[in-house]
Amino acid sequence: MPSSATTVDAYLAELPEERRATIEAVRKVILDNLDDSYAESMAFGMIGYSIPHSVYPAGYHCNPKMPLPFAAIASQKNYVSAYLMGLYDGCIGDEENGDVQWFRDAWAASGKKKLDMGKACVRFKHQDDAALDVIGESVKRIPAQRYIERKEPVLATSKRTARKKKA
């Protein structure tokens, strides 16, 4: 359910009360733990956190005119999603990095509902279902420079793989 809102405030204003409270709680924990090099904005119809071109001029590999995405929060039809690309980026193929295993273990130890997670997407219906401290710590563990250092080798590997497939 991507939004057409152009500001975070407008996005929040269009949400139903309960959903807004959940998104605001996740947003607060992200902002409280986010490295100053990241910036908040609307991206892809959701609240996004990215590394601006002033910090990483190369931008997003899929569209270099855009900043490098790091995380996002979205109100979906049946749940809230927290997209934590910092957990997934750094993985090569399906091989998970240590941050992914840490996240899974920390979530399990939190006593919250069973983790519903894709590669970089954590889904939950209500604020009380989310291990907000674990989400916050996962953001804190990956400052912008570390994210860039982990992302570049993965991109280089995927570009080499794509060239081999074309040949």
C-alpha atoms as a PDB file:
ATOM      1  CA  MET A   1       0.000   0.000   0.000  1.00  0.00           C
ATOM      2  CA  PRO A   2       2.474   2.682  -1.062  1.00  0.00           C
ATOM      3  CA  SER A   3       1.502   6.198  -0.091  1.00  0.00           C
ATOM      4  CA  SER A   4       1.601   9.246  -2.316  1.00  0.00           C
ATOM      5  CA  ALA A   5       2.509  11.461   0.671  1.00  0.00           C
ATOM      6  CA  THR A   6       5.549  13.619   0.037  1.00  0.00           C
ATOM      7  CA  THR A   7       6.444  14.264   3.688  1.00  0.00           C
ATOM      8  CA  VAL A   8       6.719  12.064   6.751  1.00  0.00           C
ATOM      9  CA  ASP A   9       4.136  14.202   8.567  1.00  0.00           C
ATOM     10  CA  ALA A  10       1.661  13.793   5.698  1.00  0.00           C
ATOM     11  CA  TYR A  11       2.274  10.030   5.663  1.00  0.00           C
ATOM     12  CA  LEU A  12       1.616   9.766   9.390  1.00  0.00           C
ATOM     13  CA  ALA A  13      -1.509  11.943   9.151  1.00  0.00           C
ATOM     14  CA  GLU A  14      -3.143   9.609   6.630  1.00  0.00           C
ATOM     15  CA  LEU A  15      -2.799   6.535   8.865  1.00  0.00           C
ATOM     16  CA  PRO A  16      -5.514   5.209  11.190  1.00  0.00           C
ATOM     17  CA  GLU A  17      -4.794   6.014  14.860  1.00  0.00           C
ATOM     18  CA  GLU A  18      -3.584   2.555  15.962  1.00  0.00           C
ATOM     19  CA  ARG A  19      -1.393   2.107  12.912  1.00  0.00           C
ATOM     20  CA  ARG A  20       0.020   5.631  13.340  1.00  0.00           C
ATOM     21  CA  ALA A  21       0.969   4.864  16.951  1.00  0.00           C
ATOM     22  CA  THR A  22       2.833   1.725  15.855  1.00  0.00           C
ATOM     23  CA  ILE A  23       4.662   3.498  13.017  1.00  0.00           C
ATOM     24  CA  GLU A  24       5.561   6.404  15.330  1.00  0.00           C
ATOM     25  CA  ALA A  25       6.982   4.013  17.935  1.00  0.00           C
ATOM     26  CA  VAL A  26       9.167   2.274  15.337  1.00  0.00           C
ATOM     27  CA  ARG A  27      10.176   5.649  13.862  1.00  0.00           C
ATOM     28  CA  LYS A  28      11.211   6.940  17.298  1.00  0.00           C
ATOM     29  CA  VAL A  29      13.384   3.922  18.025  1.00  0.00           C
ATOM     30  CA  ILE A  30      15.034   4.201  14.606  1.00  0.00           C
ATOM     31  CA  LEU A  31      15.677   7.941  14.958  1.00  0.00           C
ATOM     32  CA  ASP A  32      17.030   7.470  18.503  1.00  0.00           C
ATOM     33  CA  ASN A  33      19.590   4.937  17.245  1.00  0.00           C
ATOM     34  CA  LEU A  34      20.387   6.217  13.750  1.00  0.00           C
ATOM     35  CA  ASP A  35      23.871   7.434  12.856  1.00  0.00           C
ATOM     36  CA  ASP A  36      23.867  11.176  12.022  1.00  0.00           C
ATOM     37  CA  SER A  37      25.057  10.388   8.485  1.00  0.00           C
ATOM     38  CA  TYR A  38      21.656   8.935   7.586  1.00  0.00           C
ATOM     39  CA  ALA A  39      18.679  11.080   6.535  1.00  0.00           C
ATOM     40  CA  GLU A  40      14.939  10.514   6.899  1.00  0.00           C
ATOM     41  CA  SER A  41      12.629  11.132   3.941  1.00  0.00           C
ATOM     42  CA  MET A  42       9.769   9.629   1.987  1.00  0.00           C
ATOM     43  CA  ALA A  43      10.930   6.975  -0.469  1.00  0.00           C
ATOM     44  CA  PHE A  44       9.019   4.339  -2.411  1.00  0.00           C
ATOM     45  CA  GLY A  45       5.781   5.409  -0.676  1.00  0.00           C
ATOM     46  CA  MET A  46       7.089   4.815   2.851  1.00  0.00           C
ATOM     47  CA  ILE A  47       9.257   6.476   5.494  1.00  0.00           C
ATOM     48  CA  GLY A  48      12.838   5.834   4.467  1.00  0.00           C
ATOM     49  CA  TYR A  49      16.289   6.230   5.963  1.00  0.00           C
ATOM     50  CA  SER A  50      19.165   6.555   3.553  1.00  0.00           C
ATOM     51  CA  ILE A  51      22.722   7.751   3.115  1.00  0.00           C
ATOM     52  CA  PRO A  52      22.569  11.052   1.203  1.00  0.00           C
ATOM     53  CA  HIS A  53      24.761  11.805  -1.813  1.00  0.00           C
ATOM     54  CA  SER A  54      26.790  14.230   0.319  1.00  0.00           C
ATOM     55  CA  VAL A  55      28.043  11.192   2.263  1.00  0.00           C
ATOM     56  CA  TYR A  56      27.931   8.537  -0.492  1.00  0.00           C
ATOM     57  CA  PRO A  57      27.984  10.180  -3.952  1.00  0.00           C
ATOM     58  CA  ALA A  58      27.486   6.875  -5.818  1.00  0.00           C
ATOM     59  CA  GLY A  59      23.920   6.661  -4.498  1.00  0.00           C
ATOM     60  CA  TYR A  60      21.606   3.687  -4.913  1.00  0.00           C
ATOM     61  CA  HIS A  61      22.984   1.161  -7.408  1.00  0.00           C
ATOM     62  CA  CYS A  62      19.531   0.613  -8.971  1.00  0.00           C
ATOM     63  CA  ASN A  63      19.108   4.366  -9.487  1.00  0.00           C
ATOM     64  CA  PRO A  64      22.230   6.430  -8.726  1.00  0.00           C
ATOM     65  CA  LYS A  65      20.132   9.625  -8.636  1.00  0.00           C
ATOM     66  CA  MET A  66      18.633   8.349  -5.378  1.00  0.00           C
ATOM     67  CA  PRO A  67      20.431   8.174  -2.031  1.00  0.00           C
ATOM     68  CA  LEU A  68      21.541   4.764  -0.744  1.00  0.00           C
ATOM     69  CA  PRO A  69      18.594   3.202   1.166  1.00  0.00           C
ATOM     70  CA  PHE A  70      19.264   1.708   4.584  1.00  0.00           C
ATOM     71  CA  ALA A  71      15.917   1.191   6.333  1.00  0.00           C
ATOM     72  CA  ALA A  72      12.226   1.982   5.946  1.00  0.00           C
ATOM     73  CA  ILE A  73       8.900   1.724   7.744  1.00  0.00           C
ATOM     74  CA  ALA A  74       5.635   1.067   5.953  1.00  0.00           C
ATOM     75  CA  SER A  75       2.014   0.522   6.779  1.00  0.00           C
ATOM     76  CA  GLN A  76       0.948  -2.457   4.697  1.00  0.00           C
ATOM     77  CA  LYS A  77      -2.579  -3.829   4.318  1.00  0.00           C
ATOM     78  CA  ASN A  78      -2.351  -6.363   7.165  1.00  0.00           C
ATOM     79  CA  TYR A  79       0.761  -5.370   9.096  1.00  0.00           C
ATOM     80  CA  VAL A  80       3.555  -2.877   9.628  1.00  0.00           C
ATOM     81  CA  SER A  81       6.874  -3.567   7.942  1.00  0.00           C
ATOM     82  CA  ALA A  82      10.284  -2.479   9.106  1.00  0.00           C
ATOM     83  CA  TYR A  83      12.717  -2.900   6.231  1.00  0.00           C
ATOM     84  CA  LEU A  84      16.201  -3.320   7.683  1.00  0.00           C
ATOM     85  CA  MET A  85      18.429  -3.520   4.620  1.00  0.00           C
ATOM     86  CA  GLY A  86      21.467  -3.238   6.852  1.00  0.00           C
ATOM     87  CA  LEU A  87      20.755  -6.767   8.063  1.00  0.00           C
ATOM     88  CA  TYR A  88      20.481  -8.199   4.580  1.00  0.00           C
ATOM     89  CA  ASP A  89      23.179  -6.185   2.838  1.00  0.00           C
ATOM     90  CA  GLY A  90      26.479  -7.769   3.538  1.00  0.00           C
ATOM     91  CA  CYS A  91      25.014 -11.195   2.810  1.00  0.00           C
ATOM     92  CA  ILE A  92      26.311 -12.883  -0.295  1.00  0.00           C
ATOM     93  CA  GLY A  93      23.748 -15.063  -1.990  1.00  0.00           C
ATOM     94  CA  ASP A  94      21.700 -16.752   0.722  1.00  0.00           C
ATOM     95  CA  GLU A  95      24.563 -16.810   3.216  1.00  0.00           C
ATOM     96  CA  GLU A  96      23.509 -14.742   6.222  1.00  0.00           C
ATOM     97  CA  ASN A  97      25.896 -12.442   8.024  1.00  0.00           C
ATOM     98  CA  GLY A  98      26.384 -12.318  11.799  1.00  0.00           C
ATOM     99  CA  ASP A  99      23.960  -9.409  12.168  1.00  0.00           C
ATOM    100  CA  VAL A 100      21.088 -11.504  10.847  1.00  0.00           C
ATOM    101  CA  GLN A 101      21.735 -14.295  13.343  1.00  0.00           C
ATOM    102  CA  TRP A 102      22.191 -11.764  16.151  1.00  0.00           C
ATOM    103  CA  PHE A 103      18.832 -10.183  15.206  1.00  0.00           C
ATOM    104  CA  ARG A 104      17.018 -13.529  15.163  1.00  0.00           C
ATOM    105  CA  ASP A 105      18.502 -14.539  18.535  1.00  0.00           C
ATOM    106  CA  ALA A 106      17.812 -11.142  20.137  1.00  0.00           C
ATOM    107  CA  TRP A 107      14.208 -11.165  18.913  1.00  0.00           C
ATOM    108  CA  ALA A 108      13.679 -14.678  20.310  1.00  0.00           C
ATOM    109  CA  ALA A 109      15.172 -13.606  23.647  1.00  0.00           C
ATOM    110  CA  SER A 110      12.895 -10.551  23.789  1.00  0.00           C
ATOM    111  CA  GLY A 111       9.826 -12.641  24.582  1.00  0.00           C
ATOM    112  CA  LYS A 112       7.845 -11.021  21.772  1.00  0.00           C
ATOM    113  CA  LYS A 113       5.723 -12.951  19.289  1.00  0.00           C
ATOM    114  CA  LYS A 114       7.517 -15.235  16.892  1.00  0.00           C
ATOM    115  CA  LEU A 115       9.651 -13.305  14.416  1.00  0.00           C
ATOM    116  CA  ASP A 116       8.009 -12.860  11.008  1.00  0.00           C
ATOM    117  CA  MET A 117      10.952 -11.928   8.823  1.00  0.00           C
ATOM    118  CA  GLY A 118      11.865 -12.058   5.171  1.00  0.00           C
ATOM    119  CA  LYS A 119      15.390 -11.231   3.996  1.00  0.00           C
ATOM    120  CA  ALA A 120      15.243  -7.620   5.185  1.00  0.00           C
ATOM    121  CA  CYS A 121      11.592  -7.166   6.153  1.00  0.00           C
ATOM    122  CA  VAL A 122      10.281  -7.592   9.689  1.00  0.00           C
ATOM    123  CA  ARG A 123       6.487  -7.757   9.896  1.00  0.00           C
ATOM    124  CA  PHE A 124       4.230  -7.238  12.908  1.00  0.00           C
ATOM    125  CA  LYS A 125       0.622  -6.189  13.446  1.00  0.00           C
ATOM    126  CA  HIS A 126       0.879  -4.090  16.598  1.00  0.00           C
ATOM    127  CA  GLN A 127       3.490  -2.125  18.480  1.00  0.00           C
ATOM    128  CA  ASP A 128       3.356  -4.645  21.333  1.00  0.00           C
ATOM    129  CA  ASP A 129       4.323  -7.424  18.898  1.00  0.00           C
ATOM    130  CA  ALA A 130       7.575  -5.690  17.950  1.00  0.00           C
ATOM    131  CA  ALA A 131      10.857  -6.010  19.807  1.00  0.00           C
ATOM    132  CA  LEU A 132      11.546  -2.280  19.475  1.00  0.00           C
ATOM    133  CA  ASP A 133      14.784  -2.485  21.450  1.00  0.00           C
ATOM    134  CA  VAL A 134      16.079  -5.113  19.020  1.00  0.00           C
ATOM    135  CA  ILE A 135      15.096  -2.998  16.005  1.00  0.00           C
ATOM    136  CA  GLY A 136      16.840  -0.008  17.584  1.00  0.00           C
ATOM    137  CA  GLU A 137      19.993  -1.959  18.351  1.00  0.00           C
ATOM    138  CA  SER A 138      20.088  -3.377  14.813  1.00  0.00           C
ATOM    139  CA  VAL A 139      20.075   0.186  13.446  1.00  0.00           C
ATOM    140  CA  LYS A 140      22.718   1.315  15.941  1.00  0.00           C
ATOM    141  CA  ARG A 141      25.021  -1.598  15.086  1.00  0.00           C
ATOM    142  CA  ILE A 142      25.359  -0.438  11.472  1.00  0.00           C
ATOM    143  CA  PRO A 143      26.594   3.148  11.184  1.00  0.00           C
ATOM    144  CA  ALA A 144      26.669   4.612   7.673  1.00  0.00           C
ATOM    145  CA  GLN A 145      30.372   3.994   7.068  1.00  0.00           C
ATOM    146  CA  ARG A 146      30.069   0.327   8.039  1.00  0.00           C
ATOM    147  CA  TYR A 147      27.032  -0.029   5.785  1.00  0.00           C
ATOM    148  CA  ILE A 148      28.931   1.448   2.837  1.00  0.00           C
ATOM    149  CA  GLU A 149      31.968  -0.765   3.513  1.00  0.00           C
ATOM    150  CA  ARG A 150      29.758  -3.864   3.567  1.00  0.00           C
ATOM    151  CA  LYS A 151      27.648  -2.886   0.585  1.00  0.00           C
ATOM    152  CA  GLU A 152      30.405  -2.141  -1.927  1.00  0.00           C
ATOM    153  CA  PRO A 153      31.934  -5.665  -2.032  1.00  0.00           C
ATOM    154  CA  VAL A 154      28.475  -7.214  -2.380  1.00  0.00           C
ATOM    155  CA  LEU A 155      27.706  -4.898  -5.296  1.00  0.00           C
ATOM    156  CA  ALA A 156      31.042  -5.716  -6.916  1.00  0.00           C
ATOM    157  CA  THR A 157      30.322  -9.443  -6.552  1.00  0.00           C
ATOM    158  CA  SER A 158      26.824  -9.114  -8.012  1.00  0.00           C
ATOM    159  CA  LYS A 159      28.119  -7.056 -10.952  1.00  0.00           C
ATOM    160  CA  ARG A 160      30.756  -9.715 -11.710  1.00  0.00           C
ATOM    161  CA  THR A 161      28.095 -12.418 -11.482  1.00  0.00           C
ATOM    162  CA  ALA A 162      25.810 -10.482 -13.833  1.00  0.00           C
ATOM    163  CA  ARG A 163      28.652 -10.056 -16.362  1.00  0.00           C
ATOM    164  CA  LYS A 164      29.413 -13.798 -16.225  1.00  0.00           C
ATOM    165  CA  LYS A 165      25.755 -14.653 -16.856  1.00  0.00           C
ATOM    166  CA  LYS A 166      25.696 -12.364 -19.907  1.00  0.00           C
ATOM    167  CA  ALA A 167      28.827 -13.969 -21.359  1.00  0.00           C
END
